[in-house]
Amino acid sequence: MLAVLSPGQGSQKPGFLTPWLALRGAESRLRWWSVPAGVDLVRLGTEADADEIRDTARTQPLLVASALLAAEHLPLHDVNLVAGHSVGELAAAALAGVFSAETAITLAGVRGREMAAACALAPTGMAAVLGGDPDEVLAALATRGLHPANRNGGGQVVAAGTLDALDKLAAEPPTKARIIRLKVAGAFHTPHMAPAEAALAAVAAGITPSDPARILLSDLDGAPVPHGRELVHRLVRQVTAPVRWDLCMRTLADLGVTGVLELPPAGTLAGLVKRELKATGAPEIVTLNTPADLPAARDLIARHSGPPGRRPTSRSRVVVAPAVGTFAPAEGLTEGTELSTGQVLGQVATRQGPVEVTAHDSGPLTEWLAHQDDPVAPGRPIARIGGQA
C-alpha cells in the first residue's frame, strides 16, 4: 500500500518551483491558480527570498499549489491513501477528490491571510521541544499556559503560545529536553488562531464537498475520514487544534503501508516517517522535489499502489474500519451485491460496543478485504465498492 503525503509550512525553500516551470503547461497552471490564491505563485516559487516565502499569507497557498502541480504529473488513480501535514491537508483533500484543486488553493489563500492577521493581534510564537519524557513535556507546557501545537512523533513536540511563556520554557526546559525557537509569525494550531478559524469557516460553508475516493487521514486524530462534509469541518477546526502527525504515522503503520511518496517541497515528512516507523519496518520512501524525481516516483506508485495483495481500479472505492476491534460482515452480503449509500456492511466489535461500518458510496460490493473475526484498526480496508475485482 502506498501513502502520498503533502508537506506543511516550513518545508519551503527559495526557488524550489523553478525546475517545474520547464514542464509543459506548468507556468500557465500556476498563473491560473494565482487568481484564487491571491498571490503570484510563479514569482514566489522562483524569485522570492526566504523571508518573503516565510510569510504565512504567501506560504500556505504556495505549498498547496506546489503539491498539486507535481501530482498532475503522476498516475495517482490507483493510490489508496493520502495525508497532509497542517495546510498540506488541503492538498491531500483535493487529491482524495473531496474538492477541486482551485477550491483547495482558495482555502489555502484564505487560511494563510487570516492566520497571518491573527498573528498580528498578539506577540506569540512557537518552539520545538526535542526529547524529554512526553508526559513531563506536556505537563510543563500546560503549567506555562502553552499548547502542544504539533506532535510530530520521534520525541518532537512543538510548543506554542505567548513569547513570554516561551522564554520561561527555554529558561527552564523539561528534564533532558532541548528547546529550539522557530522562526514563525505566531502560535499556529492554538486558540490564538480563533479569528482565523471563524473566517475560514465562513468561506468553507459555501463548499459542496464529495466523499473521499481514497483513504484520507485527518491531522486531528490520525483517523481516516469517510465523509466530505466531516472532512471540511475538520479542516476548519484544525486551525486551532493540534496537528497529531504522530497519530497519522501510527495509522500508516497499522495499515501496513509499504511505500511513501512525499510531494514537493519534500523531505520533512519523509524524515519523520523514516524515524518513527523504523522499529516496525520503514517503508520505501521517495521524495519528489524536481521533475528529475518523477521516474522514481512513478516506479514507486506502480510497485506499491493498492491494499496488500490487490491493486484497486480507478473506479473503486475502499471502505475502511472506523475503530479498533474485530470485524463481522452483515449477514447475507456477498461479493457482487448491489449496495446503496449508507447501507450497513457490518460491525466492528470494540471494548465500548459495536461500531457500524457503512457504505459511503453506491455500487456493487466488488471484494471483501476483511472477513469474519478479522482484527482491524482505524483505516484498515474492509471492502471495495465498484470497479473490477
Protein backbone atom coordinates (compact mmCIF):
# COMPACT_ATOMS: atom_id res chain seq x y z
CA MET A 1 0.00 0.00 0.00
CA LEU A 2 1.27 3.46 -0.94
CA ALA A 3 0.78 6.69 1.02
CA VAL A 4 1.12 10.05 -0.73
CA LEU A 5 1.98 12.86 1.70
CA SER A 6 1.73 16.62 1.30
CA PRO A 7 4.06 18.76 3.48
CA GLY A 8 3.20 21.78 5.58
CA GLN A 9 4.63 25.18 6.40
CA GLY A 10 8.38 25.33 6.97
CA SER A 11 9.26 22.93 4.17
CA GLN A 12 9.51 25.65 1.50
CA LYS A 13 12.85 26.80 0.06
CA PRO A 14 13.67 29.76 -2.20
CA GLY A 15 13.35 28.86 -5.88
CA PHE A 16 12.05 25.34 -5.29
CA LEU A 17 9.48 25.59 -8.10
CA THR A 18 11.96 26.80 -10.74
CA PRO A 19 12.67 23.38 -12.31
CA TRP A 20 8.96 22.60 -12.54
CA LEU A 21 8.37 25.53 -14.91
CA ALA A 22 10.25 23.63 -17.60
CA LEU A 23 7.30 21.22 -17.84
CA ARG A 24 4.70 21.99 -20.46
CA GLY A 25 1.75 23.91 -19.05
CA ALA A 26 3.21 24.27 -15.54
CA GLU A 27 3.69 28.03 -15.62
CA SER A 28 0.22 28.70 -17.03
CA ARG A 29 -1.24 26.39 -14.39
CA LEU A 30 0.43 28.34 -11.61
CA ARG A 31 -0.70 31.65 -13.11
CA TRP A 32 -4.27 30.36 -13.21
CA TRP A 33 -4.07 29.21 -9.60
CA SER A 34 -2.58 32.56 -8.58
CA VAL A 35 -6.03 34.11 -9.06
CA PRO A 36 -7.83 32.15 -6.29
CA ALA A 37 -4.63 32.12 -4.21
CA GLY A 38 -4.46 35.92 -4.20
CA VAL A 39 -0.66 35.82 -4.64
CA ASP A 40 1.77 35.45 -7.55
CA LEU A 41 2.68 31.78 -7.25
CA VAL A 42 5.18 31.86 -10.12
CA ARG A 43 7.24 34.65 -8.60
CA LEU A 44 7.01 33.26 -5.08
CA GLY A 45 8.16 29.83 -6.20
CA THR A 46 11.05 31.06 -8.31
CA GLU A 47 12.28 34.54 -7.33
CA ALA A 48 11.15 35.32 -3.78
CA ASP A 49 13.69 35.09 -0.96
CA ALA A 50 13.38 33.06 2.24
CA ASP A 51 11.83 35.88 4.27
CA GLU A 52 9.10 36.53 1.71
CA ILE A 53 8.03 32.91 1.39
CA ARG A 54 8.09 32.56 5.18
CA ASP A 55 5.12 34.95 5.28
CA THR A 56 2.14 32.79 6.24
CA ALA A 57 -0.20 34.55 3.82
CA ARG A 58 2.10 33.63 0.93
CA THR A 59 3.49 30.29 2.11
CA GLN A 60 0.24 28.40 2.56
CA PRO A 61 -1.19 28.75 -0.98
CA LEU A 62 2.31 28.25 -2.41
CA LEU A 63 2.72 24.90 -0.65
CA VAL A 64 -0.70 23.61 -1.66
CA ALA A 65 -0.14 24.67 -5.27
CA SER A 66 3.30 23.05 -5.45
CA ALA A 67 1.99 19.70 -4.21
CA LEU A 68 -0.94 19.73 -6.63
CA LEU A 69 1.25 20.82 -9.54
CA ALA A 70 3.55 17.83 -9.06
CA ALA A 71 0.60 15.48 -8.54
CA GLU A 72 -0.72 16.36 -12.00
CA HIS A 73 2.34 14.60 -13.46
CA LEU A 74 1.77 11.36 -11.55
CA PRO A 75 -0.54 8.34 -12.12
CA LEU A 76 -2.34 8.65 -8.79
CA HIS A 77 -5.61 6.98 -9.82
CA ASP A 78 -4.65 3.70 -8.09
CA VAL A 79 -3.19 5.29 -4.93
CA ASN A 80 -5.22 4.32 -1.86
CA LEU A 81 -4.09 6.71 0.86
CA VAL A 82 -3.27 10.41 1.14
CA ALA A 83 -2.46 12.66 4.08
CA GLY A 84 -1.09 16.13 4.65
CA HIS A 85 0.61 17.99 7.48
CA SER A 86 -1.25 21.15 8.56
CA VAL A 87 -2.00 23.20 5.42
CA GLY A 88 -0.90 20.15 3.43
CA GLU A 89 -4.25 18.62 4.38
CA LEU A 90 -5.88 20.88 1.80
CA ALA A 91 -3.78 19.39 -0.99
CA ALA A 92 -4.46 15.89 0.33
CA ALA A 93 -8.21 16.59 0.33
CA ALA A 94 -8.07 17.68 -3.31
CA LEU A 95 -6.10 14.53 -4.22
CA ALA A 96 -8.76 12.47 -2.46
CA GLY A 97 -11.46 14.10 -4.61
CA VAL A 98 -13.19 15.98 -1.79
CA PHE A 99 -12.99 19.22 -3.79
CA SER A 100 -11.12 20.69 -6.74
CA ALA A 101 -7.55 21.97 -6.83
CA GLU A 102 -8.91 25.50 -7.24
CA THR A 103 -11.01 25.11 -4.08
CA ALA A 104 -8.01 23.82 -2.13
CA ILE A 105 -5.88 26.78 -3.23
CA THR A 106 -8.68 29.24 -2.49
CA LEU A 107 -8.99 27.86 1.04
CA ALA A 108 -5.21 27.96 1.47
CA GLY A 109 -5.19 31.62 0.46
CA VAL A 110 -7.94 32.49 2.94
CA ARG A 111 -6.37 30.36 5.66
CA GLY A 112 -2.95 31.93 5.18
CA ARG A 113 -4.19 35.52 5.16
CA GLU A 114 -6.43 35.05 8.17
CA MET A 115 -3.80 33.21 10.21
CA ALA A 116 -1.31 35.98 9.41
CA ALA A 117 -3.85 38.54 10.59
CA ALA A 118 -4.43 36.57 13.81
CA CYS A 119 -0.67 36.52 14.42
CA ALA A 120 -0.66 40.32 14.40
CA LEU A 121 -3.15 40.55 17.28
CA ALA A 122 -0.67 39.49 19.99
CA PRO A 123 3.05 38.62 20.24
CA THR A 124 3.06 34.82 20.05
CA GLY A 125 5.39 32.18 18.65
CA MET A 126 6.44 28.55 18.62
CA ALA A 127 9.36 26.41 19.80
CA ALA A 128 10.35 22.82 19.15
CA VAL A 129 10.78 20.67 22.25
CA LEU A 130 13.13 17.80 21.46
CA GLY A 131 13.49 14.84 23.79
CA GLY A 132 12.41 14.53 27.39
CA ASP A 133 9.65 12.39 28.86
CA PRO A 134 6.47 13.01 26.79
CA ASP A 135 4.21 13.32 29.84
CA GLU A 136 6.63 15.69 31.56
CA VAL A 137 6.90 17.81 28.42
CA LEU A 138 3.13 18.14 28.09
CA ALA A 139 2.81 18.95 31.79
CA ALA A 140 5.48 21.63 31.52
CA LEU A 141 3.65 23.24 28.62
CA ALA A 142 0.36 23.25 30.48
CA THR A 143 1.96 24.77 33.56
CA ARG A 144 3.23 27.70 31.48
CA GLY A 145 -0.01 28.18 29.55
CA LEU A 146 1.49 26.83 26.32
CA HIS A 147 -0.11 24.47 23.81
CA PRO A 148 1.30 21.36 22.07
CA ALA A 149 0.60 22.72 18.57
CA ASN A 150 2.32 19.86 16.73
CA ARG A 151 3.04 16.36 17.98
CA ASN A 152 5.26 15.03 15.24
CA GLY A 153 6.46 11.77 16.74
CA GLY A 154 10.02 10.77 17.50
CA GLY A 155 10.04 12.79 20.71
CA GLN A 156 9.26 16.07 18.94
CA VAL A 157 6.57 18.40 20.27
CA VAL A 158 6.10 21.97 19.06
CA ALA A 159 5.04 24.33 21.83
CA ALA A 160 3.07 27.47 21.00
CA GLY A 161 1.84 30.47 22.93
CA THR A 162 2.93 33.88 24.16
CA LEU A 163 6.55 34.91 23.75
CA ASP A 164 6.89 35.42 27.48
CA ALA A 165 5.75 31.86 28.19
CA LEU A 166 8.14 30.50 25.55
CA ASP A 167 11.00 32.43 27.15
CA LYS A 168 10.21 30.82 30.50
CA LEU A 169 10.13 27.38 28.91
CA ALA A 170 13.54 27.97 27.33
CA ALA A 171 14.96 29.16 30.67
CA GLU A 172 13.67 26.07 32.50
CA PRO A 173 13.19 23.24 29.98
CA PRO A 174 11.82 19.82 30.96
CA THR A 175 14.44 17.25 32.00
CA LYS A 176 16.57 16.02 29.09
CA ALA A 177 14.70 18.26 26.62
CA ARG A 178 16.13 20.85 24.22
CA ILE A 179 14.22 23.96 23.21
CA ILE A 180 14.66 25.41 19.71
CA ARG A 181 12.79 28.62 18.90
CA LEU A 182 11.14 28.57 15.50
CA LYS A 183 11.10 31.48 13.07
CA VAL A 184 7.33 31.71 12.67
CA ALA A 185 4.90 34.60 12.96
CA GLY A 186 2.69 33.27 15.72
CA ALA A 187 1.10 30.42 17.67
CA PHE A 188 -0.47 28.29 14.94
CA HIS A 189 -2.89 25.50 15.85
CA THR A 190 -3.81 27.07 19.19
CA PRO A 191 -6.74 29.14 20.48
CA HIS A 192 -4.76 32.25 19.44
CA MET A 193 -5.92 31.43 15.88
CA ALA A 194 -9.65 31.57 16.74
CA PRO A 195 -10.35 34.60 14.49
CA ALA A 196 -8.77 32.75 11.55
CA GLU A 197 -10.86 29.65 12.24
CA ALA A 198 -14.05 31.73 12.20
CA ALA A 199 -13.08 33.44 8.93
CA LEU A 200 -12.20 30.14 7.25
CA ALA A 201 -15.45 28.57 8.46
CA ALA A 202 -17.45 31.35 6.81
CA VAL A 203 -15.83 30.63 3.43
CA ALA A 204 -15.82 26.84 3.77
CA ALA A 205 -19.57 26.87 4.43
CA GLY A 206 -20.05 27.56 0.72
CA ILE A 207 -18.32 24.35 -0.38
CA THR A 208 -20.24 21.30 -1.58
CA PRO A 209 -17.72 18.53 -0.90
CA SER A 210 -17.65 14.97 -2.19
CA ASP A 211 -16.79 11.97 -0.04
CA PRO A 212 -13.12 10.93 -0.32
CA ALA A 213 -12.40 8.50 -3.15
CA ARG A 214 -9.46 7.02 -1.22
CA ILE A 215 -8.33 6.77 2.39
CA LEU A 216 -7.75 10.31 3.70
CA LEU A 217 -6.19 10.70 7.14
CA SER A 218 -7.02 13.60 9.44
CA ASP A 219 -4.44 15.54 11.46
CA LEU A 220 -6.92 15.81 14.32
CA ASP A 221 -6.60 12.17 15.36
CA GLY A 222 -4.86 10.23 12.58
CA ALA A 223 -8.12 8.55 11.61
CA PRO A 224 -9.48 8.16 8.08
CA VAL A 225 -12.40 10.46 7.27
CA PRO A 226 -15.12 8.82 5.16
CA HIS A 227 -17.38 11.82 4.57
CA GLY A 228 -16.59 15.07 2.75
CA ARG A 229 -18.65 17.33 5.00
CA GLU A 230 -16.93 15.94 8.09
CA LEU A 231 -13.55 16.48 6.43
CA VAL A 232 -14.32 20.15 5.71
CA HIS A 233 -15.37 20.60 9.34
CA ARG A 234 -12.09 19.06 10.48
CA LEU A 235 -10.04 21.25 8.11
CA VAL A 236 -11.60 24.34 9.67
CA ARG A 237 -11.20 23.02 13.22
CA GLN A 238 -7.54 22.24 12.53
CA VAL A 239 -6.68 25.95 12.52
CA THR A 240 -6.90 25.99 16.34
CA ALA A 241 -6.38 22.27 17.06
CA PRO A 242 -3.03 20.48 17.45
CA VAL A 243 -1.55 18.62 14.47
CA ARG A 244 -1.35 14.97 15.53
CA TRP A 245 1.09 13.78 12.89
CA ASP A 246 2.25 11.14 15.36
CA LEU A 247 -1.18 9.51 15.14
CA CYS A 248 -1.19 9.75 11.34
CA MET A 249 2.08 7.82 11.28
CA ARG A 250 0.66 5.26 13.68
CA THR A 251 -2.18 4.69 11.22
CA LEU A 252 0.32 4.28 8.38
CA ALA A 253 1.98 1.53 10.42
CA ASP A 254 -1.37 -0.08 11.34
CA LEU A 255 -2.35 -0.21 7.66
CA GLY A 256 0.94 -1.83 6.67
CA VAL A 257 1.98 0.96 4.31
CA THR A 258 4.96 -0.26 2.27
CA GLY A 259 5.71 2.87 0.22
CA VAL A 260 5.66 6.60 0.95
CA LEU A 261 5.80 9.36 -1.64
CA GLU A 262 6.22 12.92 -0.36
CA LEU A 263 5.17 15.69 -2.71
CA PRO A 264 7.26 18.88 -3.08
CA PRO A 265 8.83 20.53 -1.27
CA ALA A 266 9.69 17.10 0.10
CA GLY A 267 11.92 15.84 2.89
CA THR A 268 10.42 16.82 6.25
CA LEU A 269 7.62 14.27 6.42
CA ALA A 270 9.77 11.56 4.85
CA GLY A 271 12.31 12.04 7.64
CA LEU A 272 9.64 11.80 10.34
CA VAL A 273 8.16 8.63 8.82
CA LYS A 274 11.56 7.01 8.45
CA ARG A 275 12.42 7.60 12.11
CA GLU A 276 9.01 6.73 13.53
CA LEU A 277 8.37 3.55 11.52
CA LYS A 278 11.91 2.23 11.75
CA ALA A 279 11.06 -0.21 14.52
CA THR A 280 8.16 -1.76 12.58
CA GLY A 281 9.93 -1.79 9.22
CA ALA A 282 10.37 1.53 7.47
CA PRO A 283 8.52 1.78 4.15
CA GLU A 284 10.29 2.53 0.89
CA ILE A 285 10.36 6.32 0.59
CA VAL A 286 10.68 8.64 -2.41
CA THR A 287 10.95 12.41 -2.02
CA LEU A 288 9.70 14.30 -5.05
CA ASN A 289 11.41 17.69 -5.34
CA THR A 290 12.13 18.22 -9.05
CA PRO A 291 10.91 16.72 -12.34
CA ALA A 292 14.06 14.59 -12.31
CA ASP A 293 12.46 12.64 -9.42
CA LEU A 294 9.31 11.79 -11.41
CA PRO A 295 10.58 8.44 -12.81
CA ALA A 296 11.37 7.18 -9.30
CA ALA A 297 8.00 8.40 -8.04
CA ARG A 298 6.13 6.66 -10.86
CA ASP A 299 8.03 3.45 -10.24
CA LEU A 300 7.16 3.57 -6.53
CA ILE A 301 3.49 4.10 -7.38
CA ALA A 302 3.49 1.16 -9.79
CA ARG A 303 5.03 -1.20 -7.22
CA HIS A 304 3.20 -0.16 -4.05
CA SER A 305 -0.27 1.12 -5.02
CA GLY A 306 -3.32 -0.64 -3.66
CA PRO A 307 -4.00 -2.63 -0.48
CA PRO A 308 -1.79 -5.65 0.24
CA GLY A 309 -2.31 -8.36 -2.34
CA ARG A 310 -4.51 -6.39 -4.73
CA ARG A 311 -4.28 -3.22 -6.80
CA PRO A 312 -7.51 -1.18 -6.98
CA THR A 313 -9.05 0.11 -10.17
CA SER A 314 -9.60 3.79 -10.80
CA ARG A 315 -13.36 3.37 -10.30
CA SER A 316 -13.23 1.50 -6.99
CA ARG A 317 -13.99 2.93 -3.55
CA VAL A 318 -12.45 1.46 -0.41
CA VAL A 319 -14.46 1.29 2.83
CA VAL A 320 -12.26 1.38 5.92
CA ALA A 321 -12.64 0.40 9.56
CA PRO A 322 -13.71 3.20 11.93
CA ALA A 323 -12.24 1.67 15.11
CA VAL A 324 -10.02 -1.00 16.66
CA GLY A 325 -11.65 -4.38 17.14
CA THR A 326 -12.79 -7.45 15.22
CA PHE A 327 -14.91 -7.29 12.09
CA ALA A 328 -18.16 -9.12 11.38
CA PRO A 329 -19.77 -8.66 7.94
CA ALA A 330 -23.52 -8.13 7.68
CA GLU A 331 -25.46 -11.35 7.15
CA GLY A 332 -26.30 -12.13 3.55
CA LEU A 333 -23.89 -9.69 1.92
CA THR A 334 -21.78 -11.36 -0.75
CA GLU A 335 -19.42 -10.08 -3.41
CA GLY A 336 -21.49 -8.82 -6.31
CA THR A 337 -24.33 -7.48 -4.12
CA GLU A 338 -25.51 -4.04 -5.21
CA LEU A 339 -25.05 -1.58 -2.33
CA SER A 340 -26.68 1.77 -1.61
CA THR A 341 -25.07 4.75 0.10
CA GLY A 342 -25.31 4.40 3.87
CA GLN A 343 -26.01 0.67 3.81
CA VAL A 344 -24.55 -1.24 6.77
CA LEU A 345 -21.74 -3.57 5.68
CA GLY A 346 -21.02 -4.99 9.10
CA GLN A 347 -19.82 -4.14 12.58
CA VAL A 348 -16.53 -3.74 14.42
CA ALA A 349 -16.73 -5.21 17.90
CA THR A 350 -14.87 -2.87 20.27
CA ARG A 351 -14.46 -2.69 24.04
CA GLN A 352 -17.03 0.09 24.08
CA GLY A 353 -19.53 -1.86 21.99
CA PRO A 354 -20.25 -2.49 18.29
CA VAL A 355 -19.48 0.21 15.72
CA GLU A 356 -21.27 0.04 12.38
CA VAL A 357 -19.37 0.09 9.08
CA THR A 358 -21.41 1.73 6.33
CA ALA A 359 -21.01 2.18 2.58
CA HIS A 360 -20.07 5.75 1.67
CA ASP A 361 -20.98 5.17 -1.98
CA SER A 362 -23.36 3.09 -4.08
CA GLY A 363 -22.32 0.29 -6.41
CA PRO A 364 -21.50 -3.41 -6.39
CA LEU A 365 -19.63 -4.98 -3.46
CA THR A 366 -16.60 -5.92 -5.56
CA GLU A 367 -14.44 -7.52 -2.91
CA TRP A 368 -14.29 -8.19 0.82
CA LEU A 369 -10.92 -7.04 2.19
CA ALA A 370 -11.73 -8.18 5.75
CA HIS A 371 -13.65 -11.25 6.86
CA GLN A 372 -15.41 -12.69 9.89
CA ASP A 373 -13.46 -12.06 13.14
CA ASP A 374 -10.53 -10.39 11.35
CA PRO A 375 -8.73 -7.92 13.65
CA VAL A 376 -8.97 -4.36 12.29
CA ALA A 377 -7.61 -0.92 13.17
CA PRO A 378 -8.78 2.55 12.14
CA GLY A 379 -8.26 2.92 8.39
CA ARG A 380 -7.87 -0.80 7.73
CA PRO A 381 -9.60 -1.59 4.38
CA ILE A 382 -12.85 -3.53 4.88
CA ALA A 383 -14.37 -3.76 1.41
CA ARG A 384 -14.20 -2.37 -2.08
CA ILE A 385 -17.23 -0.89 -3.83
CA GLY A 386 -17.30 -0.54 -7.62
CA GLY A 387 -14.58 -1.22 -10.18
CA GLN A 388 -13.41 -4.68 -11.16
CA ALA A 389 -12.20 -7.42 -8.81
